[in-house]
Protein backbone atom coordinates (compact mmCIF):
# COMPACT_ATOMS: atom_id res chain seq x y z
CA UNK A 1 -1.87 -0.07 -9.80
CA UNK A 2 -4.71 2.94 -9.92
CA UNK A 3 -6.98 0.14 -8.61
CA UNK A 4 -4.67 -0.14 -5.72
CA UNK A 5 -4.37 3.80 -5.64
CA UNK A 6 -8.64 3.76 -5.64
CA UNK A 7 -8.97 0.55 -3.05
CA UNK A 8 -6.90 3.28 -0.30
CA UNK A 9 -8.99 5.86 -1.12
CA UNK A 10 -12.30 4.12 0.01
CA UNK A 11 -15.20 6.20 1.96
CA UNK A 12 -14.96 7.18 5.32
CA UNK A 13 -11.00 7.81 5.58
CA UNK A 14 -10.38 10.90 7.68
CA UNK A 15 -8.11 13.09 5.81
CA UNK A 16 -4.30 13.06 7.17
CA UNK A 17 -5.42 10.18 9.95
CA UNK A 18 -2.11 8.09 9.00
CA UNK A 19 -3.55 5.34 11.08
CA UNK A 20 -6.45 4.61 9.29
CA UNK A 21 -4.52 2.45 6.80
CA UNK A 22 -4.78 -1.10 7.79
CA UNK A 23 -1.64 -2.91 7.81
CA UNK A 24 -2.59 -6.33 5.95
CA UNK A 25 -2.65 -9.29 8.72
CA UNK A 26 -3.14 -12.25 6.09
CA UNK A 27 -1.63 -12.83 2.69
CA UNK A 28 -4.74 -12.33 1.16
CA UNK A 29 -4.81 -9.13 2.88
CA UNK A 30 -1.41 -8.22 1.96
CA UNK A 31 -2.20 -8.78 -2.16
CA UNK A 32 -6.06 -7.08 -1.95
CA UNK A 33 -4.01 -3.96 -0.66
CA UNK A 34 -1.56 -3.93 -3.24
CA UNK A 35 -3.91 -4.81 -5.75
CA UNK A 36 -1.76 -7.57 -7.51
CA UNK A 37 -2.88 -11.11 -8.64
CA UNK A 38 -1.19 -13.95 -5.94
CA UNK A 39 -0.32 -15.89 -9.45
CA UNK A 40 1.42 -12.47 -10.91
CA UNK A 41 4.96 -12.94 -12.01
CA UNK A 42 7.44 -12.04 -9.24
CA UNK A 43 9.31 -9.39 -11.79
CA UNK A 44 5.63 -8.05 -12.80
CA UNK A 45 4.85 -7.83 -9.45
CA UNK A 46 7.93 -6.21 -8.38
CA UNK A 47 7.40 -3.36 -11.24
CA UNK A 48 4.02 -2.73 -9.82
CA UNK A 49 5.04 -2.47 -6.23
CA UNK A 50 7.96 -0.15 -7.20
CA UNK A 51 5.33 2.33 -9.20
CA UNK A 52 2.92 1.90 -6.20
CA UNK A 53 5.54 3.02 -3.87
CA UNK A 54 6.71 5.84 -6.52
CA UNK A 55 2.97 7.26 -7.13
CA UNK A 56 2.68 7.26 -3.19
CA UNK A 57 6.01 8.45 -1.91
CA UNK A 58 5.33 11.39 0.56
CA UNK A 59 7.74 13.79 -1.42
CA UNK A 60 4.97 14.27 -3.93
CA UNK A 61 2.51 15.44 -1.08
CA UNK A 62 0.84 19.08 -1.51
CA UNK A 63 0.63 19.76 2.11
CA UNK A 64 0.95 18.29 5.62
CA UNK A 65 -2.25 16.21 5.45
CA UNK A 66 -1.31 15.03 2.43
CA UNK A 67 1.32 13.71 3.31
CA UNK A 68 0.52 12.14 6.57
CA UNK A 69 -1.95 10.18 3.98
CA UNK A 70 0.71 9.17 1.77
CA UNK A 71 3.01 8.26 4.37
CA UNK A 72 0.42 6.02 6.19
CA UNK A 73 -0.42 4.48 2.48
CA UNK A 74 3.69 4.05 2.37
CA UNK A 75 3.99 1.70 5.76
CA UNK A 76 0.95 -0.17 4.33
CA UNK A 77 2.50 -0.76 1.04
CA UNK A 78 5.39 -1.69 2.32
CA UNK A 79 4.23 -4.19 5.51
CA UNK A 80 1.91 -5.72 2.84
CA UNK A 81 5.05 -6.59 0.04
CA UNK A 82 7.34 -7.49 3.47
CA UNK A 83 4.52 -10.23 4.13
CA UNK A 84 4.11 -11.23 0.44
CA UNK A 85 8.32 -11.90 0.39
CA UNK A 86 8.16 -13.61 3.64
CA UNK A 87 10.21 -10.92 5.39
CA UNK A 88 7.27 -10.40 7.96
CA UNK A 89 5.19 -13.08 9.55
CA UNK A 90 1.82 -13.24 9.33
CA UNK A 91 -0.12 -11.84 12.08
């Protein structure tokens, strides 16, 4: 979880710019965004995703900029998880 949080805080992001959180376009990108191993057990992966969602939830924001950043990251997490689960076709 910590690794995934660090990946999303890569240098060059404008504070508060939700559009800088790229939506994954392939399965490899989805796994990278989530910071999980493609061979992880489904139950373990689900627990990690739930923890990521909780840690990035917009309700934990300190201010408006932080809320926008968290909303962008949540969209990225949800899109990656949907792709991995087959609910979203790879672009």
